[in-house]
Amino acid sequence: MKKLFIIFALMSFGIAFSQQITKNNSAETEEIAEFPEGGYQNFRKLIIDNFREKKVIGKGKEFCELKFIIDRDGSITNVTANGTNESFNKEAIRPITKIKTKWIPAKINGELVRYRFRIPLNLDFN
């Protein structure tokens, strides 16, 4: 049951923006970062398959926001999780750091740039 909530949360995850800012303080990315092996669907599946819900201690509904950066070389860096449940935060970070496949970096004006992602996660213990 818990996996269903994680799957739902991952299906609705949002892409934030590139870190390069234009004159009007908005990010304009020609090409967003892309996961090479099956795209976003496969990336989500890798997270779900490697998430160990038994490691999360809690009750009721828990929320966590996972953030990471796809660097210019395609590696995943600066992985953080913000939420009220520390065991959920810790476990949300673990599957992301296990993924060693490099992404295809984002581009602005043909130049490789860092790209920030956010993934909201929800877990229901009911």
Protein backbone atom coordinates (compact mmCIF):
# COMPACT_ATOMS: atom_id res chain seq x y z
CA MET A 1 0.00 0.00 0.00
CA LYS A 2 2.83 2.38 0.87
CA LYS A 3 4.42 1.82 -2.52
CA LEU A 4 1.21 3.02 -4.18
CA PHE A 5 1.53 6.40 -2.47
CA ILE A 6 5.18 6.67 -3.42
CA ILE A 7 4.32 5.75 -7.00
CA PHE A 8 1.58 8.38 -7.06
CA ALA A 9 3.92 11.00 -5.67
CA LEU A 10 6.62 10.19 -8.17
CA MET A 11 4.16 10.31 -11.05
CA SER A 12 3.37 13.88 -10.14
CA PHE A 13 6.92 15.05 -9.47
CA GLY A 14 7.85 18.47 -10.73
CA ILE A 15 10.87 19.75 -12.53
CA ALA A 16 12.22 22.95 -11.05
CA PHE A 17 14.58 24.93 -13.26
CA SER A 18 18.08 25.41 -14.53
CA GLN A 19 20.37 27.44 -12.33
CA GLN A 20 21.40 29.86 -15.04
CA ILE A 21 19.21 32.95 -14.85
CA THR A 22 18.40 35.34 -17.70
CA LYS A 23 18.10 39.15 -17.50
CA ASN A 24 14.47 39.01 -16.39
CA ASN A 25 15.33 36.52 -13.58
CA SER A 26 13.65 33.59 -15.28
CA ALA A 27 15.27 30.39 -16.41
CA GLU A 28 14.97 29.47 -20.05
CA THR A 29 16.28 26.05 -20.90
CA GLU A 30 16.61 24.93 -24.50
CA GLU A 31 16.96 21.30 -23.52
CA ILE A 32 16.07 19.99 -20.08
CA ALA A 33 18.17 17.32 -18.38
CA GLU A 34 17.11 13.86 -19.49
CA PHE A 35 17.61 10.41 -18.00
CA PRO A 36 19.12 8.36 -20.86
CA GLU A 37 17.89 4.86 -20.00
CA GLY A 38 14.13 5.01 -20.51
CA GLY A 39 13.63 8.65 -19.57
CA TYR A 40 11.76 9.92 -16.52
CA GLN A 41 9.53 6.84 -16.34
CA ASN A 42 12.51 4.56 -15.80
CA PHE A 43 14.12 6.99 -13.34
CA ARG A 44 10.92 6.97 -11.26
CA LYS A 45 10.82 3.17 -11.45
CA LEU A 46 14.42 2.95 -10.17
CA ILE A 47 13.50 5.10 -7.17
CA ILE A 48 10.38 3.07 -6.40
CA ASP A 49 12.15 -0.28 -6.81
CA ASN A 50 14.95 0.76 -4.45
CA PHE A 51 12.83 2.53 -1.82
CA ARG A 52 12.66 0.50 1.40
CA GLU A 53 9.41 1.60 3.04
CA LYS A 54 10.09 -0.70 6.03
CA LYS A 55 12.97 1.61 7.00
CA VAL A 56 10.57 4.53 7.50
CA ILE A 57 9.16 4.88 11.01
CA GLY A 58 5.99 6.90 11.26
CA LYS A 59 2.24 7.08 11.54
CA GLY A 60 -0.45 8.78 9.55
CA LYS A 61 0.59 10.70 6.47
CA GLU A 62 4.19 11.80 5.94
CA PHE A 63 5.54 14.26 3.37
CA CYS A 64 9.04 14.82 2.08
CA GLU A 65 10.44 16.97 -0.73
CA LEU A 66 13.47 15.51 -2.45
CA LYS A 67 15.78 17.95 -4.26
CA PHE A 68 18.84 17.28 -6.38
CA ILE A 69 20.91 18.81 -9.16
CA ILE A 70 21.95 17.31 -12.47
CA ASP A 71 25.44 18.73 -12.93
CA ARG A 72 27.05 19.75 -16.22
CA ASP A 73 28.69 16.31 -16.46
CA GLY A 74 25.32 14.54 -15.97
CA SER A 75 25.97 13.37 -12.43
CA ILE A 76 23.42 13.67 -9.63
CA THR A 77 24.66 16.04 -6.91
CA ASN A 78 23.43 17.99 -3.88
CA VAL A 79 20.72 15.49 -2.92
CA THR A 80 18.63 16.75 0.00
CA ALA A 81 15.30 15.85 1.54
CA ASN A 82 13.11 18.18 3.58
CA GLY A 83 10.28 16.84 5.66
CA THR A 84 9.23 16.37 9.27
CA ASN A 85 10.07 12.64 9.43
CA GLU A 86 13.84 12.10 9.60
CA SER A 87 13.67 8.38 8.72
CA PHE A 88 11.59 9.23 5.62
CA ASN A 89 14.07 11.94 4.60
CA LYS A 90 16.98 9.55 4.98
CA GLU A 91 15.32 6.76 3.02
CA ALA A 92 14.20 9.16 0.25
CA ILE A 93 17.83 10.18 -0.35
CA ARG A 94 19.21 6.62 -0.41
CA PRO A 95 17.73 5.34 -3.72
CA ILE A 96 18.73 8.52 -5.57
CA THR A 97 22.34 8.22 -4.47
CA LYS A 98 22.42 4.57 -5.61
CA ILE A 99 21.65 5.55 -9.22
CA LYS A 100 25.00 5.83 -11.00
CA THR A 101 23.68 6.38 -14.54
CA LYS A 102 24.69 9.82 -15.78
CA TRP A 103 21.98 12.07 -17.17
CA ILE A 104 22.12 14.02 -20.41
CA PRO A 105 22.71 17.56 -19.05
CA ALA A 106 20.43 20.53 -19.72
CA LYS A 107 21.47 23.20 -22.21
CA ILE A 108 20.99 26.93 -22.55
CA ASN A 109 22.27 28.57 -25.74
CA GLY A 110 24.10 25.34 -26.55
CA GLU A 111 26.03 25.47 -23.26
CA LEU A 112 25.71 22.72 -20.65
CA VAL A 113 24.14 23.98 -17.40
CA ARG A 114 23.20 22.60 -14.00
CA TYR A 115 19.55 21.62 -13.67
CA ARG A 116 17.54 21.37 -10.45
CA PHE A 117 14.81 18.81 -9.78
CA ARG A 118 12.20 18.54 -7.02
CA ILE A 119 10.25 15.42 -6.25
CA PRO A 120 7.45 15.60 -3.66
CA LEU A 121 6.94 12.27 -1.86
CA ASN A 122 3.98 11.20 0.26
CA LEU A 123 3.71 8.13 2.44
CA ASP A 124 0.55 6.97 4.22
CA PHE A 125 0.87 4.54 7.13
CA ASN A 126 -2.90 3.96 7.47
